[in-house]
N, C-alpha and C. Protein backbone atom coordinates (compact mmCIF):
# COMPACT_ATOMS: atom_id res chain seq x y z
N MET A 1 -14.33 -8.49 28.41
CA MET A 1 -13.18 -8.28 27.24
C MET A 1 -12.04 -8.07 27.75
N SER A 2 -10.76 -8.08 27.24
CA SER A 2 -9.52 -7.62 27.63
C SER A 2 -9.45 -6.41 27.32
N PRO A 3 -8.73 -5.73 28.18
CA PRO A 3 -8.49 -4.02 27.66
C PRO A 3 -7.28 -4.01 27.02
N ARG A 4 -6.39 -5.01 27.08
CA ARG A 4 -5.12 -5.10 25.90
C ARG A 4 -5.74 -5.02 24.75
N LYS A 5 -4.66 -4.21 23.47
CA LYS A 5 -5.13 -4.21 22.25
C LYS A 5 -4.71 -5.58 21.48
N LYS A 6 -5.68 -5.50 20.64
CA LYS A 6 -5.53 -7.08 20.12
C LYS A 6 -4.38 -6.73 18.74
N VAL A 7 -3.18 -7.81 19.04
CA VAL A 7 -2.01 -7.71 18.10
C VAL A 7 -2.09 -8.70 17.00
N ASP A 8 -2.05 -8.82 15.79
CA ASP A 8 -1.69 -9.65 14.77
C ASP A 8 -0.60 -10.60 14.95
N ASN A 9 -1.11 -12.46 15.06
CA ASN A 9 0.21 -12.92 14.78
C ASN A 9 0.83 -13.27 13.50
N SER A 10 1.64 -12.71 13.30
CA SER A 10 2.05 -12.66 11.78
C SER A 10 2.07 -14.11 11.05
N LEU A 11 2.28 -14.88 11.76
CA LEU A 11 2.30 -16.34 10.82
C LEU A 11 0.74 -16.26 10.63
N HIS A 12 -0.54 -16.00 11.22
CA HIS A 12 -1.81 -16.09 11.09
C HIS A 12 -2.19 -15.47 9.29
N ILE A 13 -1.34 -14.29 9.23
CA ILE A 13 -1.64 -13.58 8.17
C ILE A 13 -1.15 -14.38 6.53
N SER A 14 -0.37 -15.64 7.04
CA SER A 14 0.27 -16.41 6.02
C SER A 14 -1.61 -17.34 5.50
N ILE A 15 -2.19 -17.48 6.20
CA ILE A 15 -3.48 -17.73 6.00
C ILE A 15 -4.13 -16.97 4.71
N LEU A 16 -4.09 -15.82 4.47
CA LEU A 16 -4.30 -15.17 3.69
C LEU A 16 -4.05 -15.07 2.43
N GLY A 17 -2.52 -15.80 2.36
CA GLY A 17 -2.11 -16.35 0.98
C GLY A 17 -3.06 -17.18 0.29
N PHE A 18 -3.68 -18.25 1.00
CA PHE A 18 -4.65 -19.35 0.27
C PHE A 18 -5.69 -19.01 -0.31
N PHE A 19 -6.08 -17.42 -0.02
CA PHE A 19 -6.70 -16.79 -1.01
C PHE A 19 -6.95 -15.89 -2.11
N ILE A 20 -5.27 -15.96 -2.69
CA ILE A 20 -4.74 -15.28 -3.35
C ILE A 20 -5.44 -15.38 -4.76
N GLU A 21 -5.11 -16.57 -5.47
CA GLU A 21 -5.87 -17.23 -6.32
C GLU A 21 -7.03 -17.35 -6.55
N LYS A 22 -7.97 -17.64 -5.48
CA LYS A 22 -9.34 -17.88 -5.63
C LYS A 22 -10.24 -18.33 -4.39
N PRO A 23 -11.17 -17.84 -4.08
CA PRO A 23 -11.87 -18.02 -2.88
C PRO A 23 -11.81 -19.56 -2.60
N ASN A 24 -12.44 -19.75 -1.20
CA ASN A 24 -12.31 -20.74 -0.99
C ASN A 24 -13.29 -21.19 0.50
N TYR A 25 -13.55 -22.24 0.57
CA TYR A 25 -14.70 -22.66 1.33
C TYR A 25 -13.54 -23.40 2.76
N GLY A 26 -13.87 -22.74 3.86
CA GLY A 26 -13.22 -23.01 4.72
C GLY A 26 -12.65 -24.41 5.20
N TYR A 27 -14.06 -25.65 4.97
CA TYR A 27 -13.68 -26.98 5.32
C TYR A 27 -12.48 -27.32 3.95
N ASP A 28 -12.73 -27.03 3.20
CA ASP A 28 -11.99 -27.60 2.08
C ASP A 28 -10.59 -27.02 1.92
N LEU A 29 -10.45 -25.69 2.56
CA LEU A 29 -8.97 -25.23 2.31
C LEU A 29 -8.35 -26.10 3.90
N TYR A 30 -9.20 -26.04 4.76
CA TYR A 30 -8.32 -26.75 5.79
C TYR A 30 -8.29 -28.27 5.60
N ARG A 31 -9.24 -28.84 4.76
CA ARG A 31 -8.71 -30.47 4.67
C ARG A 31 -7.65 -30.46 3.77
N SER A 32 -7.37 -29.54 2.80
CA SER A 32 -6.16 -29.45 1.89
C SER A 32 -4.93 -29.32 2.28
N LEU A 33 -4.89 -28.36 3.31
CA LEU A 33 -3.75 -27.68 3.90
C LEU A 33 -3.51 -28.88 4.46
N MET A 34 -4.34 -29.63 5.40
CA MET A 34 -3.80 -30.81 6.38
C MET A 34 -3.17 -32.03 5.43
N GLN A 35 -3.92 -32.28 4.36
CA GLN A 35 -4.09 -33.35 3.70
C GLN A 35 -2.64 -33.40 2.59
N ASN A 36 -2.59 -32.48 1.82
CA ASN A 36 -2.10 -32.07 0.27
C ASN A 36 -0.81 -31.14 0.50
N SER A 37 -0.83 -30.67 1.57
CA SER A 37 0.09 -29.16 1.50
C SER A 37 1.44 -29.38 1.91
N SER A 38 2.47 -28.72 1.73
CA SER A 38 3.61 -28.49 2.33
C SER A 38 3.84 -27.64 3.22
N PHE A 39 2.71 -26.83 3.20
CA PHE A 39 2.42 -25.68 4.02
C PHE A 39 2.29 -26.60 5.76
N ASN A 40 1.92 -27.84 5.77
CA ASN A 40 1.81 -28.42 6.95
C ASN A 40 2.76 -28.72 7.54
N LEU A 41 3.96 -28.66 6.71
CA LEU A 41 5.36 -28.98 7.33
C LEU A 41 5.87 -27.75 8.14
N ILE A 42 5.41 -26.62 8.02
CA ILE A 42 5.43 -25.49 8.75
C ILE A 42 4.90 -25.09 9.64
N TRP A 43 3.55 -25.50 9.49
CA TRP A 43 2.59 -25.15 10.68
C TRP A 43 1.24 -25.82 10.73
N HIS A 44 1.22 -26.97 11.84
CA HIS A 44 0.20 -27.51 11.70
C HIS A 44 -1.03 -26.91 12.66
N LEU A 45 -2.32 -26.69 12.17
CA LEU A 45 -3.36 -25.97 12.46
C LEU A 45 -4.34 -27.28 13.52
N LYS A 46 -4.75 -26.68 14.28
CA LYS A 46 -6.21 -27.55 14.74
C LYS A 46 -7.19 -26.66 13.72
N GLN A 47 -8.42 -27.68 13.59
CA GLN A 47 -9.40 -26.77 13.17
C GLN A 47 -10.09 -25.82 13.74
N SER A 48 -10.04 -25.79 14.57
CA SER A 48 -10.87 -24.51 15.55
C SER A 48 -10.06 -23.63 15.28
N GLN A 49 -8.59 -23.77 15.39
CA GLN A 49 -7.58 -22.37 15.07
C GLN A 49 -7.87 -22.11 14.39
N PHE A 50 -7.87 -22.78 13.00
CA PHE A 50 -7.81 -22.02 11.59
C PHE A 50 -9.23 -21.50 11.40
N TYR A 51 -10.41 -21.76 12.24
CA TYR A 51 -11.59 -21.30 11.76
C TYR A 51 -11.74 -19.72 12.52
N ALA A 52 -11.09 -19.80 13.85
CA ALA A 52 -10.80 -18.69 14.77
C ALA A 52 -10.13 -17.57 13.91
N ILE A 53 -9.14 -18.17 13.34
CA ILE A 53 -8.12 -16.95 12.17
C ILE A 53 -9.09 -16.67 10.98
N LEU A 54 -9.75 -17.51 10.48
CA LEU A 54 -10.52 -16.76 9.47
C LEU A 54 -11.39 -15.94 9.75
N ASP A 55 -12.23 -16.20 11.15
CA ASP A 55 -13.37 -15.28 11.42
C ASP A 55 -12.58 -13.96 12.11
N HIS A 56 -11.52 -13.78 12.60
CA HIS A 56 -10.57 -12.83 12.91
C HIS A 56 -10.43 -11.82 11.52
N PHE A 57 -10.11 -12.67 10.63
CA PHE A 57 -9.80 -11.83 9.24
C PHE A 57 -10.87 -11.49 9.00
N TYR A 58 -12.13 -11.86 9.13
CA TYR A 58 -13.32 -11.49 8.58
C TYR A 58 -13.96 -10.18 9.30
N GLN A 59 -13.73 -10.44 10.71
CA GLN A 59 -13.93 -9.31 11.35
C GLN A 59 -13.36 -7.62 11.27
N ASP A 60 -11.79 -8.38 10.99
CA ASP A 60 -10.94 -7.35 10.59
C ASP A 60 -11.26 -6.50 9.15
N GLY A 61 -12.11 -7.54 8.18
CA GLY A 61 -12.00 -7.02 6.93
C GLY A 61 -11.19 -7.61 5.83
N TYR A 62 -10.34 -8.43 6.06
CA TYR A 62 -9.36 -9.09 5.21
C TYR A 62 -9.86 -9.96 4.70
N LEU A 63 -11.12 -10.59 4.69
CA LEU A 63 -11.95 -11.35 4.04
C LEU A 63 -13.24 -11.41 4.10
N GLU A 64 -13.75 -11.80 3.19
CA GLU A 64 -15.93 -11.23 3.08
C GLU A 64 -16.15 -12.79 2.76
N ILE A 65 -17.45 -12.66 3.33
CA ILE A 65 -18.18 -14.09 3.09
C ILE A 65 -19.06 -14.13 2.48
N GLN A 66 -19.38 -15.00 1.47
CA GLN A 66 -20.39 -15.40 0.65
C GLN A 66 -21.19 -16.68 0.88
N LEU A 67 -22.29 -16.34 1.17
CA LEU A 67 -23.11 -17.65 1.48
C LEU A 67 -23.13 -18.60 0.32
N GLN A 68 -23.53 -19.93 0.54
CA GLN A 68 -23.44 -20.39 -0.65
C GLN A 68 -24.65 -21.53 -0.32
N ASP A 69 -25.87 -21.49 -0.78
CA ASP A 69 -26.90 -22.54 -0.66
C ASP A 69 -26.63 -23.93 -0.50
N GLY A 70 -26.74 -24.53 0.57
CA GLY A 70 -26.38 -25.73 0.92
C GLY A 70 -27.43 -26.98 0.64
N GLY A 71 -28.41 -26.27 0.16
CA GLY A 71 -29.76 -27.41 -0.15
C GLY A 71 -30.47 -27.79 0.94
N ASN A 72 -30.03 -29.15 1.42
CA ASN A 72 -30.63 -29.66 2.17
C ASN A 72 -29.65 -29.91 3.66
N TYR A 73 -28.54 -29.16 3.13
CA TYR A 73 -27.14 -29.00 4.33
C TYR A 73 -27.60 -27.65 4.45
N PRO A 74 -26.47 -27.65 5.57
CA PRO A 74 -26.49 -25.88 6.33
C PRO A 74 -25.79 -25.24 5.07
N ASP A 75 -26.12 -24.01 5.03
CA ASP A 75 -25.57 -22.83 3.68
C ASP A 75 -23.62 -22.99 4.13
N ARG A 76 -23.25 -22.95 2.97
CA ARG A 76 -21.58 -22.94 3.07
C ARG A 76 -20.81 -21.82 3.19
N LYS A 77 -20.06 -21.47 3.90
CA LYS A 77 -19.27 -19.91 3.65
C LYS A 77 -17.94 -20.03 2.59
N GLU A 78 -18.17 -18.93 1.75
CA GLU A 78 -16.93 -19.26 1.06
C GLU A 78 -16.51 -17.78 1.05
N TYR A 79 -14.96 -17.98 1.75
CA TYR A 79 -14.15 -16.83 1.74
C TYR A 79 -14.01 -16.41 0.63
N ARG A 80 -13.67 -15.07 0.52
CA ARG A 80 -12.87 -14.20 -0.54
C ARG A 80 -12.09 -13.18 0.11
N LEU A 81 -11.26 -13.31 -0.61
CA LEU A 81 -9.96 -11.93 -0.09
C LEU A 81 -10.29 -10.72 -0.35
N THR A 82 -10.29 -9.45 0.36
CA THR A 82 -10.65 -8.38 0.12
C THR A 82 -9.17 -7.63 -0.16
N THR A 83 -9.26 -6.38 -0.65
CA THR A 83 -8.20 -5.51 -1.31
C THR A 83 -7.45 -5.49 -0.12
N ALA A 84 -8.17 -4.77 1.26
CA ALA A 84 -7.11 -4.71 2.34
C ALA A 84 -6.67 -6.14 2.88
N GLY A 85 -7.40 -7.46 2.64
CA GLY A 85 -6.55 -8.47 2.75
C GLY A 85 -4.94 -8.61 1.80
N GLU A 86 -5.60 -8.43 0.83
CA GLU A 86 -4.30 -8.65 -0.29
C GLU A 86 -3.41 -7.70 -0.10
N GLU A 87 -3.71 -6.49 0.40
CA GLU A 87 -2.11 -5.77 0.49
C GLU A 87 -1.82 -6.11 1.80
N LYS A 88 -2.35 -6.51 3.09
CA LYS A 88 -1.99 -6.82 4.86
C LYS A 88 -1.13 -8.03 3.66
N PHE A 89 -0.95 -9.31 3.12
CA PHE A 89 -0.48 -10.33 2.84
C PHE A 89 0.39 -9.72 1.74
N HIS A 90 0.59 -9.19 0.78
CA HIS A 90 1.54 -8.43 0.29
C HIS A 90 2.93 -7.54 0.87
N ASN A 91 2.26 -6.85 2.02
CA ASN A 91 3.23 -6.39 2.68
C ASN A 91 4.10 -7.02 3.56
N TRP A 92 3.34 -8.34 3.93
CA TRP A 92 3.92 -9.17 5.35
C TRP A 92 4.90 -10.18 4.31
N VAL A 93 4.53 -10.70 3.06
CA VAL A 93 5.21 -11.71 2.50
C VAL A 93 6.63 -11.73 2.17
N LEU A 94 6.84 -10.46 1.83
CA LEU A 94 8.21 -9.73 0.99
C LEU A 94 9.15 -9.10 2.31
N SER A 95 8.40 -8.99 3.55
CA SER A 95 9.48 -8.72 4.70
C SER A 95 10.07 -9.49 5.15
N PRO A 96 11.35 -9.08 5.89
CA PRO A 96 11.98 -10.22 6.47
C PRO A 96 11.55 -10.22 8.07
N VAL A 97 11.82 -11.69 8.56
CA VAL A 97 11.20 -11.52 9.80
C VAL A 97 12.57 -10.78 11.15
N ASN A 98 12.07 -10.25 11.86
CA ASN A 98 13.00 -9.48 12.96
C ASN A 98 13.58 -10.01 14.26
N HIS A 99 13.37 -11.12 14.21
CA HIS A 99 14.20 -12.25 15.43
C HIS A 99 14.30 -13.66 14.93
N GLY A 100 15.60 -13.86 15.18
CA GLY A 100 15.67 -15.51 14.67
C GLY A 100 14.73 -16.56 15.22
N ARG A 101 13.99 -16.31 16.03
CA ARG A 101 12.89 -17.49 16.53
C ARG A 101 11.87 -17.34 15.65
N GLU A 102 11.77 -16.10 14.66
CA GLU A 102 10.84 -16.36 13.77
C GLU A 102 11.16 -16.97 12.62
N MET A 103 12.25 -17.34 12.32
CA MET A 103 13.00 -17.83 10.95
C MET A 103 12.24 -19.57 11.05
N ARG A 104 11.83 -20.23 11.95
CA ARG A 104 11.41 -21.63 11.86
C ARG A 104 10.06 -22.08 11.37
N GLN A 105 9.40 -20.97 11.72
CA GLN A 105 7.92 -21.05 11.21
C GLN A 105 7.42 -19.77 10.15
N GLU A 106 7.79 -18.39 10.41
CA GLU A 106 7.46 -17.36 9.94
C GLU A 106 8.39 -17.20 8.42
N PHE A 107 9.44 -16.85 8.75
CA PHE A 107 9.97 -16.99 7.44
C PHE A 107 9.79 -18.04 6.41
N LEU A 108 9.96 -19.20 7.13
CA LEU A 108 9.46 -20.42 6.40
C LEU A 108 7.92 -20.33 5.69
N ALA A 109 7.02 -19.90 6.20
CA ALA A 109 5.84 -19.63 5.45
C ALA A 109 5.83 -18.34 4.68
N LYS A 110 6.81 -17.31 4.86
CA LYS A 110 6.98 -16.26 3.73
C LYS A 110 7.68 -17.05 2.70
N LEU A 111 8.58 -17.93 2.73
CA LEU A 111 9.19 -18.13 1.56
C LEU A 111 8.48 -19.53 0.78
N TYR A 112 7.59 -20.14 1.54
CA TYR A 112 6.37 -20.80 1.03
C TYR A 112 5.92 -19.92 0.02
N PHE A 113 5.25 -18.90 0.19
CA PHE A 113 4.35 -18.21 -0.92
C PHE A 113 5.18 -17.12 -1.49
N ALA A 114 6.52 -16.73 -1.30
CA ALA A 114 7.01 -15.97 -2.14
C ALA A 114 7.25 -17.01 -3.52
N LEU A 115 7.67 -18.24 -2.97
CA LEU A 115 8.35 -18.86 -4.35
C LEU A 115 6.93 -19.58 -4.99
N LYS A 116 5.68 -19.63 -4.79
CA LYS A 116 4.29 -19.53 -5.31
C LYS A 116 4.39 -18.24 -6.26
N ILE A 117 5.01 -16.95 -5.72
CA ILE A 117 4.68 -15.66 -6.45
C ILE A 117 5.56 -15.96 -7.57
N SER A 118 6.62 -16.05 -7.24
CA SER A 118 7.72 -16.01 -8.52
C SER A 118 9.22 -16.23 -7.95
N LYS A 119 10.08 -16.58 -8.68
CA LYS A 119 11.61 -16.64 -8.28
C LYS A 119 12.09 -15.39 -7.78
N GLU A 120 11.75 -14.96 -8.52
CA GLU A 120 12.33 -12.80 -7.98
C GLU A 120 11.69 -12.72 -7.14
N LYS A 121 10.55 -12.68 -6.58
CA LYS A 121 10.17 -12.44 -5.23
C LYS A 121 10.89 -13.00 -4.10
N ALA A 122 10.99 -14.26 -4.23
CA ALA A 122 11.75 -15.33 -3.29
C ALA A 122 13.05 -15.03 -2.89
N LEU A 123 13.58 -14.67 -4.11
CA LEU A 123 15.16 -14.42 -3.96
C LEU A 123 15.27 -12.93 -3.32
N MET A 124 14.01 -11.75 -3.83
CA MET A 124 14.17 -10.67 -2.84
C MET A 124 13.92 -10.81 -1.39
N LEU A 125 12.96 -12.08 -1.01
CA LEU A 125 12.91 -11.88 0.56
C LEU A 125 14.05 -12.58 0.96
N THR A 126 14.65 -13.66 0.38
CA THR A 126 16.15 -14.35 0.69
C THR A 126 16.99 -12.95 1.00
N ARG A 127 17.35 -12.41 0.12
CA ARG A 127 18.53 -11.24 0.11
C ARG A 127 17.93 -10.36 1.22
N ASN A 128 16.74 -10.11 1.50
CA ASN A 128 16.43 -8.97 2.71
C ASN A 128 16.66 -9.73 3.88
N GLN A 129 16.25 -11.27 3.98
CA GLN A 129 16.31 -11.91 5.39
C GLN A 129 17.96 -11.89 5.45
N LYS A 130 18.73 -12.05 4.46
CA LYS A 130 20.36 -12.55 4.74
C LYS A 130 20.74 -11.20 5.60
N GLN A 131 20.41 -9.84 4.54
CA GLN A 131 20.61 -8.90 5.30
C GLN A 131 20.45 -8.44 6.81
N GLU A 132 19.05 -8.95 7.20
CA GLU A 132 18.97 -9.02 8.04
C GLU A 132 19.80 -9.60 9.34
N CYS A 133 20.17 -10.81 8.75
CA CYS A 133 20.69 -11.45 9.71
C CYS A 133 21.93 -11.23 9.95
N PHE A 134 22.74 -10.79 8.82
CA PHE A 134 23.95 -9.87 8.98
C PHE A 134 23.83 -8.90 10.01
N ASN A 135 22.52 -8.22 10.14
CA ASN A 135 22.60 -6.85 11.41
C ASN A 135 22.46 -7.53 12.45
N TRP A 136 21.80 -9.07 12.99
CA TRP A 136 21.60 -9.49 14.17
C TRP A 136 22.84 -9.87 14.45
N LEU A 137 23.79 -10.45 13.52
CA LEU A 137 25.17 -10.87 14.11
C LEU A 137 26.01 -10.07 14.53
N SER A 138 25.91 -8.76 13.76
CA SER A 138 26.62 -7.69 13.90
C SER A 138 26.54 -6.93 15.28
N ASN A 139 25.53 -6.75 15.68
CA ASN A 139 25.05 -6.28 16.90
C ASN A 139 25.28 -7.37 18.10
N HIS A 140 25.20 -8.66 17.56
CA HIS A 140 25.22 -9.43 18.56
C HIS A 140 26.77 -9.52 19.28
N GLU A 141 27.67 -9.36 17.80
CA GLU A 141 29.38 -9.35 17.86
C GLU A 141 29.57 -8.04 19.16
N GLU A 142 28.66 -7.10 18.95
CA GLU A 142 29.35 -5.80 19.63
C GLU A 142 28.78 -6.23 21.02
N LYS A 143 27.84 -6.71 21.43
CA LYS A 143 27.30 -7.07 22.57
C LYS A 143 28.27 -8.29 23.54
N MET A 144 28.50 -8.64 22.64
CA MET A 144 29.51 -9.80 23.23
C MET A 144 30.97 -9.01 23.81
N GLN A 145 31.46 -8.04 23.21
CA GLN A 145 32.87 -7.64 23.50
C GLN A 145 32.54 -7.47 25.13
N GLY A 146 31.57 -6.95 25.61
CA GLY A 146 31.29 -6.57 27.02
C GLY A 146 31.15 -7.78 27.93
N VAL A 147 31.27 -8.75 27.41
CA VAL A 147 30.59 -10.11 27.96
C VAL A 147 32.04 -10.70 29.23
N ASP A 148 31.93 -10.65 30.10
CA ASP A 148 32.90 -11.56 31.01
C ASP A 148 33.06 -12.45 31.86
N SER A 149 31.74 -13.30 31.67
CA SER A 149 31.24 -14.45 32.42
C SER A 149 31.80 -15.62 31.42
N TYR A 150 32.18 -16.77 32.06
CA TYR A 150 32.21 -18.00 31.24
C TYR A 150 30.78 -18.49 30.59
N PHE A 151 29.71 -18.18 31.63
CA PHE A 151 28.35 -18.58 30.79
C PHE A 151 27.92 -17.80 30.00
N GLY A 152 28.40 -16.55 30.13
CA GLY A 152 28.27 -15.53 29.07
C GLY A 152 28.77 -15.85 27.83
N GLU A 153 29.90 -16.30 27.74
CA GLU A 153 30.76 -16.49 26.69
C GLU A 153 29.93 -17.53 26.08
N LEU A 154 29.90 -18.85 26.47
CA LEU A 154 28.93 -20.03 26.22
C LEU A 154 27.46 -19.70 25.38
N MET A 155 26.91 -18.51 26.03
CA MET A 155 25.67 -18.17 25.71
C MET A 155 25.52 -17.59 24.16
N GLY A 156 26.96 -16.87 24.13
CA GLY A 156 27.34 -15.86 22.83
C GLY A 156 27.56 -16.27 21.60
N ASP A 157 28.71 -17.81 22.61
CA ASP A 157 28.74 -18.72 21.12
C ASP A 157 27.85 -19.45 20.45
N TYR A 158 26.72 -19.76 21.27
CA TYR A 158 25.53 -20.73 20.84
C TYR A 158 24.85 -19.69 20.07
N ARG A 159 24.60 -18.26 20.18
CA ARG A 159 23.63 -17.27 19.31
C ARG A 159 24.47 -17.11 18.11
N THR A 160 26.04 -16.97 17.99
CA THR A 160 26.80 -16.93 16.96
C THR A 160 26.68 -17.76 16.04
N ILE A 161 26.91 -19.13 16.53
CA ILE A 161 26.78 -20.30 15.45
C ILE A 161 25.12 -20.50 14.98
N GLN A 162 24.55 -20.16 15.73
CA GLN A 162 22.96 -19.94 15.43
C GLN A 162 22.64 -19.31 14.54
N MET A 163 23.06 -18.07 14.47
CA MET A 163 23.18 -16.77 12.95
C MET A 163 24.07 -17.29 12.00
N GLN A 164 25.00 -17.59 12.46
CA GLN A 164 26.10 -18.44 10.92
C GLN A 164 24.96 -19.15 10.36
N GLY A 165 24.78 -20.29 11.10
CA GLY A 165 23.77 -21.43 10.51
C GLY A 165 23.09 -20.92 9.41
N MET A 166 22.04 -19.88 10.29
CA MET A 166 21.10 -19.33 9.47
C MET A 166 21.37 -18.40 8.10
N LEU A 167 22.49 -17.86 8.24
CA LEU A 167 23.30 -17.10 6.91
C LEU A 167 23.45 -18.20 5.78
N GLU A 168 24.35 -19.20 6.41
CA GLU A 168 24.51 -20.25 5.67
C GLU A 168 23.31 -20.92 4.86
N TRP A 169 22.22 -21.31 5.77
CA TRP A 169 21.23 -21.83 4.97
C TRP A 169 20.50 -20.98 3.99
N LEU A 170 20.23 -19.54 4.51
CA LEU A 170 19.70 -18.66 3.49
C LEU A 170 20.52 -18.80 1.92
N LYS A 171 22.03 -18.52 2.45
CA LYS A 171 22.92 -19.06 1.26
C LYS A 171 22.43 -20.22 0.11
N ILE A 172 22.27 -21.23 0.66
CA ILE A 172 21.82 -22.52 0.18
C ILE A 172 20.34 -22.31 -0.57
N VAL A 173 19.46 -21.61 0.04
CA VAL A 173 18.33 -21.37 -0.14
C VAL A 173 18.58 -20.53 -1.45
N GLU A 174 18.87 -19.33 -1.83
CA GLU A 174 19.23 -18.46 -2.48
C GLU A 174 19.89 -19.30 -4.09
N ASP A 175 20.96 -20.10 -3.71
CA ASP A 175 21.98 -20.80 -4.77
C ASP A 175 20.48 -21.74 -5.67
N LYS A 176 19.90 -22.33 -4.42
CA LYS A 176 18.63 -23.27 -5.14
C LYS A 176 17.56 -22.54 -5.91
N ILE A 177 17.27 -21.28 -5.60
CA ILE A 177 16.14 -20.90 -6.18
C ILE A 177 16.91 -20.24 -7.47
N ARG A 178 18.04 -20.06 -7.60
CA ARG A 178 18.54 -19.42 -8.77
C ARG A 178 18.42 -20.58 -9.78
């Protein structure tokens, strides 16, 4: 076993959101995610990866398992969200992402679930993320004042335009939610 401390992948926490409304069987939820859910546009999970995440959450106490008699078939595992799992999910879903690279998947997953909770929560998340992006842009502009190479300027321009694009998109999201 690795001596390194296990670190939660923040995107994995999004899976807990599918247990908020009701318990689910792993296979049924996986099939639904891959066939009928717009969540699949954010993150395409392999089945083995999905079950590993469920097992991880069970081991950490975020999900509990209730075995259902399968009759002539193997017993089925019904996963239920624990209080700790619900708390973990709610703390995650409304907090902004910390890095621009997390916007593409993690922020979109948060927005997906925030919209399911309420428009108000989705607006709160979007506004918090806009503020975080403004902070990134401000810090970036400060760093760029000391850049004296041509390549450094090009990289700075790239990051500036990228952050401005995020802010512009968040404004569009905010307008559409209202």
